[in-house]
Protein backbone atom coordinates (compact mmCIF):
# COMPACT_ATOMS: atom_id res chain seq x y z
CA MET A 1 0.00 0.00 0.00
CA SER A 2 1.01 3.61 -0.48
CA PHE A 3 0.47 6.56 1.82
CA ARG A 4 -0.11 10.29 1.50
CA VAL A 5 0.85 12.70 4.25
CA THR A 6 -0.57 16.23 4.13
CA ILE A 7 0.59 19.15 6.23
CA ALA A 8 -0.45 22.80 6.20
CA CYS A 9 2.18 25.34 5.20
CA SER A 10 2.69 28.92 4.13
CA ARG A 11 3.24 29.87 0.51
CA ALA A 12 6.94 30.37 1.22
CA GLN A 13 7.20 26.91 2.78
CA GLY A 14 5.36 25.36 -0.17
CA GLU A 15 7.65 27.02 -2.69
CA ALA A 16 10.71 25.90 -0.71
CA ILE A 17 10.04 22.16 -1.01
CA ALA A 18 11.81 22.11 -4.38
CA ASP A 19 15.03 22.43 -2.36
CA SER A 20 14.04 19.67 0.11
CA ASP A 21 14.39 16.55 -2.02
CA ASP A 22 17.54 15.47 -0.20
CA LEU A 23 15.68 15.45 3.14
CA LEU A 24 13.26 12.75 1.94
CA PRO A 25 14.97 11.21 -1.11
CA ASP A 26 12.48 8.36 -1.65
CA VAL A 27 9.37 10.49 -1.21
CA VAL A 28 7.46 12.51 -3.82
CA LEU A 29 6.79 16.02 -2.48
CA VAL A 30 4.29 18.43 -4.05
CA ALA A 31 2.69 21.64 -2.81
CA ASP A 32 -0.47 23.40 -3.86
CA GLU A 33 -2.71 26.34 -3.10
CA PRO A 34 -6.13 24.75 -2.37
CA ASN A 35 -8.01 28.05 -2.03
CA GLU A 36 -7.16 30.97 -4.32
CA SER A 37 -8.91 33.37 -1.93
CA ARG A 38 -6.30 32.43 0.70
CA PRO A 39 -3.03 32.72 -1.24
CA GLN A 40 -0.81 32.31 1.83
CA GLU A 41 -2.43 29.03 2.98
CA TRP A 42 -0.82 26.14 1.09
CA LEU A 43 -0.56 22.40 1.61
CA ILE A 44 2.41 20.06 1.25
CA HIS A 45 1.61 16.49 0.14
CA ALA A 46 4.15 13.69 0.57
CA TYR A 47 3.62 10.34 -1.20
CA PHE A 48 5.20 7.24 0.32
CA GLU A 49 5.49 3.67 -0.96
CA HIS A 50 5.64 2.59 2.69
CA ALA A 51 4.14 3.63 5.99
CA PRO A 52 5.92 6.85 6.98
CA THR A 53 8.28 6.49 9.90
CA ALA A 54 8.38 8.72 12.96
CA GLY A 55 11.56 10.30 11.63
CA GLU A 56 9.98 11.05 8.25
CA LEU A 57 6.96 12.63 9.92
CA LYS A 58 9.30 14.74 12.03
CA THR A 59 11.02 15.95 8.85
CA LEU A 60 7.65 16.86 7.33
CA ARG A 61 6.74 18.86 10.43
CA SER A 62 9.90 20.91 9.87
CA LEU A 63 8.80 21.70 6.30
CA GLY A 64 5.29 22.88 7.17
CA SER A 65 3.14 24.04 10.05
CA GLY A 66 1.02 21.92 12.33
CA GLU A 67 0.46 18.18 12.53
CA PRO A 68 0.74 15.92 9.45
CA ARG A 69 -2.38 14.00 8.34
CA VAL A 70 -1.62 10.44 7.19
CA GLU A 71 -3.85 8.62 4.68
CA GLU A 72 -3.51 5.09 3.32
CA LEU A 73 -4.09 5.00 -0.44
CA ALA A 74 -5.19 2.27 -2.77
CA GLU A 75 -2.57 1.00 -5.19
CA THR A 76 -2.81 3.33 -8.17
CA ASP A 77 -0.83 5.81 -10.21
CA TRP A 78 -1.84 8.97 -8.39
CA VAL A 79 -0.15 11.28 -10.87
CA THR A 80 -2.11 9.78 -13.75
CA MET A 81 -5.32 9.79 -11.75
CA SER A 82 -4.95 13.43 -10.79
CA GLN A 83 -4.37 14.42 -14.41
CA SER A 84 -6.98 12.18 -16.05
CA GLY A 85 -9.57 14.96 -16.11
CA LEU A 86 -7.26 17.65 -17.48
CA GLN A 87 -8.80 19.98 -20.01
CA PRO A 88 -6.94 20.83 -23.24
CA ILE A 89 -4.66 23.85 -23.16
CA ARG A 90 -4.46 26.47 -25.91
CA ALA A 91 -1.14 28.35 -25.80
CA GLY A 92 -0.38 30.49 -28.81
CA ARG A 93 -1.09 28.29 -31.80
CA PHE A 94 -0.46 25.11 -29.76
CA TYR A 95 -3.22 22.81 -28.55
CA VAL A 96 -2.12 20.33 -25.86
CA HIS A 97 -4.52 17.54 -24.96
CA THR A 98 -4.74 14.10 -23.38
CA PRO A 99 -5.66 10.95 -25.36
CA THR A 100 -9.32 11.27 -24.35
CA VAL A 101 -9.72 14.41 -26.49
CA ARG A 102 -10.65 13.69 -30.09
CA ASN A 103 -11.71 17.05 -31.57
CA VAL A 104 -8.69 19.23 -32.36
CA PRO A 105 -9.45 22.85 -33.38
CA PRO A 106 -8.47 23.60 -36.98
CA GLY A 107 -5.45 25.81 -37.49
CA THR A 108 -3.70 24.65 -34.31
CA ILE A 109 -0.55 22.61 -33.76
CA PRO A 110 -1.77 19.73 -31.59
CA PHE A 111 0.23 17.58 -29.19
CA GLU A 112 -1.07 14.59 -27.29
CA ILE A 113 0.56 14.47 -23.87
CA ASP A 114 -0.70 11.71 -21.62
CA ALA A 115 -0.78 12.09 -17.85
CA SER A 116 2.54 10.72 -16.65
CA LEU A 117 5.30 10.84 -14.08
CA ALA A 118 7.04 13.73 -15.86
CA PHE A 119 6.43 17.45 -15.49
CA GLY A 120 5.24 19.45 -18.49
CA THR A 121 1.73 18.64 -19.69
CA GLY A 122 1.07 22.26 -20.62
CA GLN A 123 -1.27 22.77 -17.69
CA HIS A 124 1.19 24.68 -15.54
CA ALA A 125 1.68 28.37 -16.28
CA THR A 126 5.42 27.87 -16.79
CA THR A 127 4.95 25.32 -19.57
CA SER A 128 2.13 27.14 -21.32
CA GLY A 129 4.10 30.38 -20.96
CA CYS A 130 7.08 28.80 -22.73
CA LEU A 131 4.79 27.65 -25.55
CA VAL A 132 3.50 31.20 -25.95
CA ALA A 133 7.06 32.56 -25.93
CA LEU A 134 8.14 30.10 -28.63
CA ASP A 135 5.10 30.95 -30.72
CA ARG A 136 5.80 34.68 -30.40
CA LEU A 137 9.45 34.30 -31.41
CA GLU A 138 8.48 32.48 -34.60
CA ARG A 139 5.81 35.06 -35.44
CA GLU A 140 8.43 37.78 -35.00
CA GLY A 141 10.49 36.10 -37.70
CA LYS A 142 13.12 34.47 -35.52
CA ARG A 143 14.85 31.47 -37.07
CA PHE A 144 16.75 28.86 -35.08
CA ALA A 145 18.87 25.97 -36.28
CA ASN A 146 20.32 24.44 -33.11
CA ILE A 147 18.00 24.13 -30.10
CA ALA A 148 18.37 22.72 -26.57
CA ASP A 149 15.51 21.99 -24.16
CA ILE A 150 16.98 21.64 -20.66
CA GLY A 151 14.73 19.95 -18.10
CA THR A 152 12.45 18.66 -20.83
CA GLY A 153 9.97 16.70 -18.67
CA THR A 154 7.43 15.29 -21.13
CA GLY A 155 9.36 16.59 -24.15
CA LEU A 156 6.56 19.02 -25.04
CA LEU A 157 8.67 22.17 -25.45
CA ALA A 158 11.18 20.39 -27.67
CA PHE A 159 8.31 19.07 -29.82
CA ALA A 160 6.89 22.59 -30.10
CA ALA A 161 10.24 24.07 -31.10
CA LEU A 162 10.69 21.48 -33.86
CA ALA A 163 7.15 22.14 -35.09
CA LEU A 164 7.99 25.83 -35.48
CA TRP A 165 11.49 25.32 -36.90
CA PRO A 166 11.27 21.94 -38.63
CA ASP A 167 14.77 22.11 -40.13
CA ALA A 168 16.48 22.67 -36.79
CA LYS A 169 18.47 20.15 -34.78
CA CYS A 170 17.16 19.75 -31.25
CA ILE A 171 18.43 18.06 -28.10
CA ALA A 172 16.25 17.61 -25.01
CA THR A 173 17.70 16.56 -21.65
CA ASP A 174 16.46 15.93 -18.14
CA ILE A 175 18.15 14.97 -14.88
CA ASP A 176 15.39 12.36 -14.35
CA SER A 177 15.71 9.13 -16.35
CA VAL A 178 11.94 8.59 -16.02
CA ALA A 179 11.31 11.93 -17.73
CA VAL A 180 13.63 10.99 -20.59
CA SER A 181 11.74 7.72 -21.05
CA VAL A 182 8.39 9.55 -20.97
CA ALA A 183 9.65 12.08 -23.52
CA ARG A 184 10.72 9.23 -25.80
CA ASP A 185 7.25 7.66 -25.59
CA ASN A 186 5.60 11.03 -26.24
CA ALA A 187 7.84 11.59 -29.25
CA ALA A 188 6.52 8.36 -30.76
CA ILE A 189 2.91 9.32 -30.01
CA ASN A 190 3.37 12.73 -31.64
CA ARG A 191 5.45 11.44 -34.57
CA VAL A 192 8.54 13.41 -33.61
CA LYS A 193 11.51 11.80 -35.31
CA LEU A 194 14.41 10.90 -33.03
CA GLY A 195 17.97 11.27 -34.21
CA HIS A 196 20.97 13.57 -34.62
CA GLY A 197 20.11 15.38 -37.82
CA PRO A 198 18.04 18.40 -38.91
CA GLY A 199 14.39 18.03 -37.97
CA GLU A 200 15.24 15.34 -35.44
CA LEU A 201 15.24 15.21 -31.65
CA LEU A 202 18.06 13.78 -29.55
CA LEU A 203 17.11 12.76 -26.00
CA ALA A 204 19.60 12.38 -23.16
CA GLU A 205 19.84 12.25 -19.39
CA ALA A 206 21.92 15.13 -18.05
CA ASP A 207 22.39 17.25 -14.94
CA GLY A 208 22.15 20.81 -16.22
CA MET A 209 24.69 21.30 -18.99
CA ASP A 210 26.92 18.50 -17.73
CA SER A 211 26.74 16.18 -20.74
CA PRO A 212 29.18 15.38 -23.54
CA LEU A 213 26.25 15.42 -25.96
CA LEU A 214 25.39 19.00 -25.00
CA SER A 215 29.05 20.01 -25.24
CA ALA A 216 29.32 18.47 -28.68
CA ARG A 217 26.11 20.08 -29.97
CA GLY A 218 26.78 23.65 -28.80
CA PRO A 219 26.73 26.53 -29.24
CA PHE A 220 22.94 26.78 -29.33
CA ASP A 221 21.03 29.63 -30.92
CA LEU A 222 17.99 28.78 -28.75
CA ILE A 223 17.92 27.29 -25.25
CA VAL A 224 14.69 26.61 -23.35
CA ALA A 225 15.10 25.99 -19.61
CA ASN A 226 11.88 25.40 -17.69
CA ILE A 227 13.26 24.36 -14.31
CA LEU A 228 13.41 26.38 -11.05
CA ALA A 229 14.79 29.76 -10.03
CA GLY A 230 17.69 28.35 -7.98
CA PRO A 231 19.06 26.09 -10.73
CA LEU A 232 18.50 28.84 -13.32
CA ILE A 233 20.72 31.16 -11.31
CA ASP A 234 23.35 28.48 -10.69
CA LEU A 235 23.41 27.48 -14.36
CA ALA A 236 23.62 31.01 -15.77
CA PRO A 237 27.38 30.86 -16.55
CA ASP A 238 27.06 27.41 -18.16
CA PHE A 239 24.05 28.44 -20.25
CA VAL A 240 25.65 31.67 -21.46
CA GLU A 241 28.92 29.92 -22.30
CA THR A 242 27.13 27.77 -24.88
CA LEU A 243 24.53 30.34 -26.02
CA ASP A 244 24.71 32.13 -29.37
CA GLY A 245 21.26 33.71 -29.53
CA THR A 246 18.14 33.45 -27.35
CA ILE A 247 17.32 31.71 -24.09
CA ILE A 248 13.86 31.21 -22.54
CA LEU A 249 13.88 30.87 -18.75
CA ALA A 250 10.90 29.58 -16.77
CA GLY A 251 9.96 27.99 -13.47
CA LEU A 252 10.36 31.18 -11.45
CA LEU A 253 7.83 33.14 -9.42
CA ASP A 254 7.39 36.89 -9.70
CA SER A 255 9.17 37.22 -6.34
CA GLN A 256 12.23 35.49 -7.82
CA VAL A 257 12.40 37.26 -11.17
CA GLU A 258 14.81 40.06 -10.18
CA ALA A 259 17.39 37.62 -8.81
CA VAL A 260 17.27 35.58 -12.02
CA ILE A 261 17.51 38.71 -14.17
CA ARG A 262 20.57 39.91 -12.23
CA ALA A 263 22.27 36.56 -12.78
CA TYR A 264 21.84 36.72 -16.55
CA GLU A 265 22.50 40.43 -16.98
CA SER A 266 25.76 39.93 -15.08
CA GLU A 267 26.68 37.36 -17.74
CA GLY A 268 26.11 39.96 -20.47
CA LEU A 269 22.60 39.08 -21.63
CA THR A 270 19.82 41.50 -22.48
CA ILE A 271 16.34 40.83 -21.09
CA ARG A 272 13.92 41.39 -23.96
CA ASP A 273 10.79 40.05 -22.24
CA ARG A 274 10.27 39.96 -18.46
CA GLY A 275 6.99 38.04 -18.63
CA ILE A 276 3.82 38.72 -16.65
CA GLY A 277 1.80 37.06 -13.92
CA GLU A 278 2.74 35.01 -10.88
CA TRP A 279 4.88 32.56 -12.88
CA ARG A 280 7.29 34.46 -15.12
CA VAL A 281 8.80 33.45 -18.44
CA LEU A 282 11.90 35.45 -19.36
CA VAL A 283 13.31 35.80 -22.86
CA CYS A 284 16.96 36.85 -22.95
CA GLU A 285 19.44 37.47 -25.76
CA ARG A 286 23.13 38.05 -26.19
CA ARG A 287 23.89 41.73 -26.63
């Protein structure tokens, strides 16, 4: 049996769990805002494949506020279940839907992304914001020939980039081997050709830019990095070293945007779009 532990937290505590994976390495941690009218009252959910120990519950107490609530769950894929009712997303000219959707609006670029264990179905504002940014760049007449999608998740952003620039070479990487496998399956579903050549997608497991495949493929005229603010700041020198054009940065909250901008301006980049809303998408270029 599996277990879910829920504990109340503040927004700041919920946002901070991305940096807490090493505290509970075998546990899936997610946070959400259950009531939009109470933006500071969040919940942390921890998913266990075993009954949580006293020590693990103590760790969860340190991440949130109050007493954890433990529930025993039936054996199921809770990620898939939670996403099974997702509605299609329209972002720019892209239309992202699950397999249950059959009617695709004419004039759109559709992608079928099944609920899975990888991040990036298009539902989150960071992913849809990246799709809109890609769409806008193409409409502005930008042309890219060598693209990298760092932290690819489901592979969606790499698929979108190849749809807009079909003659480009593209590499998509993720630190999570499960995500790379999911992206490979999604490439087959969406008829994205895998390979090393123009119009093809190369998939690889990599921690940031630490990969011989990325080193061999650079410099890139377009990099898409939909990860988190902390890694975006840490990776700024590595990204800029291999960048010869435009980079899209996402996964950061409005409260984190200035720190990320400082990191990339200090590396000599110009911020051409600061994004809007709670979850920002930045578009930066070499001066």
